[in-house]
Amino acid sequence: MRTSELLLSSLNITEDDYSYKGLFILSVNRKSRQMDMSELENASKMTDLKAYFNLDEDIAEIKMTLMDMIFDKANISSVIIEGENYEENTKRKVSERRASSFDLA
């Protein structure tokens, strides 16, 4: 099985005094495992993960694929929070505010 076939869900990235935690769940079919991003640096945890999901890639490739999946998931989340056409709406509001400041009436 390829790492990209895993479903990454419930991503929760928190920060406390510059200490970051990233919790997420990996699953496929009826197998799932909760992980922390810090475990991606632990060779034994990655070996266990590879065996648990029967992954074909080497540890370095698994780690890179998971990091890409985390970055993609985090980006999607921030776009949803900002909403559709966030940049266009923000630019329009700034332009309207500047235009109204020149209004002398």
N, C-alpha and C. Protein backbone atom coordinates (compact mmCIF):
# COMPACT_ATOMS: atom_id res chain seq x y z
N MET A 1 0.84 -1.17 0.00
CA MET A 1 0.00 0.00 0.00
C MET A 1 0.89 1.24 0.00
N ARG A 2 0.42 2.27 -0.68
CA ARG A 2 1.14 3.54 -0.74
C ARG A 2 0.66 4.46 0.38
N THR A 3 1.54 5.30 0.87
CA THR A 3 1.19 6.25 1.94
C THR A 3 0.10 7.20 1.49
N SER A 4 0.11 7.58 0.23
CA SER A 4 -0.88 8.52 -0.29
C SER A 4 -2.30 7.94 -0.26
N GLU A 5 -2.44 6.64 -0.10
CA GLU A 5 -3.76 6.01 -0.02
C GLU A 5 -4.38 6.14 1.37
N LEU A 6 -3.59 6.55 2.36
CA LEU A 6 -4.11 6.74 3.71
C LEU A 6 -4.97 7.99 3.77
N LEU A 7 -5.96 7.98 4.64
CA LEU A 7 -6.80 9.15 4.88
C LEU A 7 -6.28 9.85 6.12
N LEU A 8 -5.92 11.12 5.99
CA LEU A 8 -5.48 11.92 7.12
C LEU A 8 -6.67 12.77 7.56
N SER A 9 -7.09 12.64 8.81
CA SER A 9 -8.25 13.38 9.29
C SER A 9 -8.00 13.91 10.69
N SER A 10 -8.91 14.75 11.15
CA SER A 10 -8.89 15.32 12.50
C SER A 10 -7.56 16.00 12.81
N LEU A 11 -7.04 16.75 11.84
CA LEU A 11 -5.79 17.47 12.05
C LEU A 11 -6.02 18.62 13.02
N ASN A 12 -5.21 18.67 14.06
CA ASN A 12 -5.32 19.72 15.07
C ASN A 12 -3.91 20.20 15.40
N ILE A 13 -3.57 21.39 14.93
CA ILE A 13 -2.25 21.96 15.19
C ILE A 13 -2.42 23.07 16.22
N THR A 14 -1.68 22.97 17.32
CA THR A 14 -1.77 23.97 18.39
C THR A 14 -0.38 24.50 18.70
N GLU A 15 -0.36 25.70 19.29
CA GLU A 15 0.90 26.33 19.66
C GLU A 15 0.76 26.89 21.07
N ASP A 16 1.76 26.63 21.89
CA ASP A 16 1.79 27.17 23.24
C ASP A 16 3.22 27.62 23.51
N ASP A 17 3.42 28.93 23.54
CA ASP A 17 4.75 29.50 23.79
C ASP A 17 5.79 28.92 22.83
N TYR A 18 5.46 28.95 21.54
CA TYR A 18 6.32 28.47 20.45
C TYR A 18 6.57 26.96 20.50
N SER A 19 5.78 26.23 21.24
CA SER A 19 5.84 24.77 21.25
C SER A 19 4.63 24.26 20.48
N TYR A 20 4.88 23.64 19.34
CA TYR A 20 3.80 23.22 18.45
C TYR A 20 3.49 21.74 18.64
N LYS A 21 2.21 21.41 18.55
CA LYS A 21 1.75 20.03 18.55
C LYS A 21 0.84 19.86 17.35
N GLY A 22 0.97 18.75 16.70
CA GLY A 22 0.12 18.46 15.55
C GLY A 22 -0.43 17.06 15.66
N LEU A 23 -1.67 16.95 16.07
CA LEU A 23 -2.31 15.65 16.22
C LEU A 23 -3.18 15.36 15.00
N PHE A 24 -3.19 14.11 14.57
CA PHE A 24 -4.02 13.72 13.43
C PHE A 24 -4.27 12.23 13.48
N ILE A 25 -5.21 11.78 12.67
CA ILE A 25 -5.55 10.36 12.59
C ILE A 25 -5.29 9.88 11.16
N LEU A 26 -4.61 8.75 11.05
CA LEU A 26 -4.41 8.09 9.76
C LEU A 26 -5.30 6.86 9.74
N SER A 27 -5.98 6.66 8.61
CA SER A 27 -6.86 5.49 8.53
C SER A 27 -6.97 4.99 7.10
N VAL A 28 -7.33 3.72 7.01
CA VAL A 28 -7.67 3.08 5.74
C VAL A 28 -8.48 1.84 6.10
N ASN A 29 -9.56 1.64 5.37
CA ASN A 29 -10.49 0.54 5.66
C ASN A 29 -10.89 0.56 7.13
N ARG A 30 -10.59 -0.48 7.87
CA ARG A 30 -10.97 -0.54 9.29
C ARG A 30 -9.79 -0.31 10.23
N LYS A 31 -8.66 0.09 9.69
CA LYS A 31 -7.48 0.36 10.51
C LYS A 31 -7.33 1.87 10.68
N SER A 32 -6.99 2.29 11.89
CA SER A 32 -6.69 3.70 12.12
C SER A 32 -5.68 3.83 13.24
N ARG A 33 -4.97 4.94 13.22
CA ARG A 33 -3.97 5.20 14.24
C ARG A 33 -3.86 6.70 14.45
N GLN A 34 -3.89 7.10 15.73
CA GLN A 34 -3.70 8.51 16.07
C GLN A 34 -2.21 8.78 16.15
N MET A 35 -1.80 9.93 15.62
CA MET A 35 -0.38 10.27 15.57
C MET A 35 -0.17 11.71 16.00
N ASP A 36 1.05 12.00 16.39
CA ASP A 36 1.50 13.36 16.65
C ASP A 36 2.61 13.64 15.64
N MET A 37 2.69 14.87 15.16
CA MET A 37 3.71 15.20 14.17
C MET A 37 5.12 14.92 14.69
N SER A 38 5.33 15.04 15.99
CA SER A 38 6.66 14.77 16.56
C SER A 38 7.08 13.32 16.34
N GLU A 39 6.11 12.42 16.19
CA GLU A 39 6.41 11.01 15.97
C GLU A 39 7.02 10.76 14.59
N LEU A 40 6.88 11.71 13.70
CA LEU A 40 7.47 11.56 12.37
C LEU A 40 8.99 11.56 12.43
N GLU A 41 9.56 12.10 13.52
CA GLU A 41 11.01 12.12 13.71
C GLU A 41 11.52 10.88 14.43
N ASN A 42 10.63 10.07 14.96
CA ASN A 42 10.99 8.89 15.74
C ASN A 42 11.04 7.67 14.81
N ALA A 43 12.24 7.12 14.63
CA ALA A 43 12.43 6.01 13.68
C ALA A 43 11.61 4.78 14.07
N SER A 44 11.54 4.46 15.35
CA SER A 44 10.79 3.27 15.75
C SER A 44 9.29 3.45 15.54
N LYS A 45 8.78 4.66 15.78
CA LYS A 45 7.35 4.94 15.54
C LYS A 45 7.03 4.83 14.05
N MET A 46 7.94 5.33 13.22
CA MET A 46 7.72 5.27 11.78
C MET A 46 7.80 3.82 11.27
N THR A 47 8.69 3.02 11.84
CA THR A 47 8.78 1.61 11.48
C THR A 47 7.50 0.89 11.88
N ASP A 48 6.97 1.21 13.07
CA ASP A 48 5.70 0.62 13.51
C ASP A 48 4.56 1.01 12.58
N LEU A 49 4.54 2.29 12.19
CA LEU A 49 3.50 2.78 11.28
C LEU A 49 3.57 2.06 9.94
N LYS A 50 4.79 1.92 9.43
CA LYS A 50 4.99 1.23 8.15
C LYS A 50 4.47 -0.20 8.22
N ALA A 51 4.77 -0.89 9.31
CA ALA A 51 4.31 -2.28 9.47
C ALA A 51 2.80 -2.35 9.69
N TYR A 52 2.25 -1.42 10.47
CA TYR A 52 0.82 -1.44 10.81
C TYR A 52 -0.05 -1.31 9.56
N PHE A 53 0.32 -0.37 8.67
CA PHE A 53 -0.45 -0.15 7.45
C PHE A 53 0.12 -0.92 6.25
N ASN A 54 1.21 -1.67 6.45
CA ASN A 54 1.85 -2.43 5.39
C ASN A 54 2.22 -1.52 4.21
N LEU A 55 2.95 -0.45 4.53
CA LEU A 55 3.32 0.55 3.52
C LEU A 55 4.54 0.09 2.73
N ASP A 56 4.55 0.41 1.43
CA ASP A 56 5.60 -0.03 0.53
C ASP A 56 6.84 0.85 0.55
N GLU A 57 6.68 2.15 0.79
CA GLU A 57 7.79 3.09 0.67
C GLU A 57 8.76 2.96 1.85
N ASP A 58 9.93 3.59 1.67
CA ASP A 58 10.87 3.64 2.79
C ASP A 58 10.44 4.73 3.77
N ILE A 59 11.05 4.75 4.94
CA ILE A 59 10.66 5.64 6.03
C ILE A 59 10.73 7.11 5.61
N ALA A 60 11.80 7.50 4.91
CA ALA A 60 11.96 8.90 4.50
C ALA A 60 10.83 9.33 3.56
N GLU A 61 10.47 8.47 2.64
CA GLU A 61 9.39 8.79 1.70
C GLU A 61 8.04 8.85 2.40
N ILE A 62 7.82 7.96 3.36
CA ILE A 62 6.58 7.98 4.14
C ILE A 62 6.47 9.31 4.89
N LYS A 63 7.56 9.71 5.51
CA LYS A 63 7.57 10.97 6.27
C LYS A 63 7.27 12.16 5.36
N MET A 64 7.91 12.22 4.20
CA MET A 64 7.69 13.34 3.27
C MET A 64 6.25 13.36 2.77
N THR A 65 5.70 12.21 2.45
CA THR A 65 4.32 12.13 1.98
C THR A 65 3.36 12.59 3.07
N LEU A 66 3.58 12.14 4.30
CA LEU A 66 2.72 12.56 5.41
C LEU A 66 2.82 14.07 5.66
N MET A 67 4.03 14.62 5.57
CA MET A 67 4.19 16.07 5.76
C MET A 67 3.44 16.83 4.66
N ASP A 68 3.52 16.36 3.42
CA ASP A 68 2.77 16.98 2.33
C ASP A 68 1.27 16.92 2.59
N MET A 69 0.80 15.77 3.08
CA MET A 69 -0.62 15.62 3.38
C MET A 69 -1.05 16.57 4.50
N ILE A 70 -0.19 16.73 5.51
CA ILE A 70 -0.49 17.64 6.62
C ILE A 70 -0.55 19.07 6.13
N PHE A 71 0.42 19.48 5.30
CA PHE A 71 0.43 20.85 4.77
C PHE A 71 -0.80 21.11 3.92
N ASP A 72 -1.16 20.15 3.08
CA ASP A 72 -2.36 20.30 2.25
C ASP A 72 -3.61 20.44 3.11
N LYS A 73 -3.73 19.60 4.12
CA LYS A 73 -4.90 19.62 5.00
C LYS A 73 -4.97 20.94 5.78
N ALA A 74 -3.84 21.42 6.26
CA ALA A 74 -3.81 22.68 7.00
C ALA A 74 -4.19 23.84 6.11
N ASN A 75 -3.77 23.84 4.86
CA ASN A 75 -4.10 24.90 3.92
C ASN A 75 -5.59 24.91 3.62
N ILE A 76 -6.18 23.75 3.41
CA ILE A 76 -7.62 23.67 3.13
C ILE A 76 -8.41 24.24 4.29
N SER A 77 -7.98 23.94 5.49
CA SER A 77 -8.67 24.42 6.68
C SER A 77 -8.64 25.94 6.75
N SER A 78 -7.50 26.55 6.46
CA SER A 78 -7.41 28.01 6.56
C SER A 78 -8.22 28.68 5.45
N VAL A 79 -8.32 28.07 4.28
CA VAL A 79 -9.14 28.63 3.21
C VAL A 79 -10.61 28.61 3.61
N ILE A 80 -11.05 27.53 4.23
CA ILE A 80 -12.44 27.44 4.67
C ILE A 80 -12.75 28.50 5.70
N ILE A 81 -11.84 28.75 6.62
CA ILE A 81 -12.06 29.77 7.65
C ILE A 81 -12.16 31.15 7.01
N GLU A 82 -11.30 31.43 6.04
CA GLU A 82 -11.31 32.73 5.40
C GLU A 82 -12.54 32.90 4.51
N GLY A 83 -13.02 31.85 3.94
CA GLY A 83 -14.20 31.92 3.11
C GLY A 83 -13.88 32.11 1.65
N GLU A 84 -14.92 31.97 0.84
CA GLU A 84 -14.77 32.09 -0.60
C GLU A 84 -14.51 33.54 -0.97
N ASN A 85 -13.61 33.77 -1.89
CA ASN A 85 -13.25 35.10 -2.39
C ASN A 85 -12.78 36.02 -1.27
N TYR A 86 -12.07 35.48 -0.30
CA TYR A 86 -11.61 36.26 0.85
C TYR A 86 -10.76 37.45 0.41
N GLU A 87 -9.78 37.22 -0.47
CA GLU A 87 -8.88 38.29 -0.88
C GLU A 87 -9.62 39.39 -1.64
N GLU A 88 -10.52 39.02 -2.54
CA GLU A 88 -11.27 40.03 -3.30
C GLU A 88 -12.15 40.87 -2.37
N ASN A 89 -12.82 40.22 -1.43
CA ASN A 89 -13.68 40.96 -0.50
C ASN A 89 -12.86 41.90 0.37
N THR A 90 -11.71 41.47 0.83
CA THR A 90 -10.85 42.31 1.67
C THR A 90 -10.36 43.52 0.88
N LYS A 91 -9.91 43.31 -0.35
CA LYS A 91 -9.44 44.42 -1.18
C LYS A 91 -10.56 45.42 -1.44
N ARG A 92 -11.77 44.92 -1.70
CA ARG A 92 -12.91 45.80 -1.95
C ARG A 92 -13.23 46.63 -0.71
N LYS A 93 -13.22 46.03 0.46
CA LYS A 93 -13.51 46.76 1.70
C LYS A 93 -12.47 47.85 1.96
N VAL A 94 -11.21 47.55 1.71
CA VAL A 94 -10.15 48.55 1.90
C VAL A 94 -10.35 49.70 0.92
N SER A 95 -10.67 49.39 -0.33
CA SER A 95 -10.91 50.44 -1.33
C SER A 95 -12.11 51.30 -0.95
N GLU A 96 -13.18 50.67 -0.47
CA GLU A 96 -14.37 51.43 -0.06
C GLU A 96 -14.06 52.33 1.13
N ARG A 97 -13.28 51.83 2.07
CA ARG A 97 -12.91 52.63 3.24
C ARG A 97 -12.07 53.84 2.82
N ARG A 98 -11.12 53.64 1.91
CA ARG A 98 -10.29 54.75 1.43
C ARG A 98 -11.14 55.77 0.67
N ALA A 99 -12.05 55.27 -0.16
CA ALA A 99 -12.91 56.17 -0.93
C ALA A 99 -13.80 56.99 -0.01
N SER A 100 -14.33 56.37 1.04
CA SER A 100 -15.21 57.10 1.95
C SER A 100 -14.44 58.14 2.76
N SER A 101 -13.14 57.94 2.95
CA SER A 101 -12.36 58.93 3.70
C SER A 101 -12.15 60.21 2.88
N PHE A 102 -12.27 60.12 1.56
CA PHE A 102 -12.16 61.29 0.70
C PHE A 102 -13.49 62.00 0.51
N ASP A 103 -14.56 61.38 0.94
CA ASP A 103 -15.90 61.94 0.79
C ASP A 103 -16.06 63.13 1.74
N LEU A 104 -16.28 64.31 1.19
CA LEU A 104 -16.38 65.52 2.00
C LEU A 104 -17.82 65.89 2.30
N ALA A 105 -18.77 65.19 1.77
CA ALA A 105 -20.18 65.53 1.97
C ALA A 105 -20.69 65.22 3.33
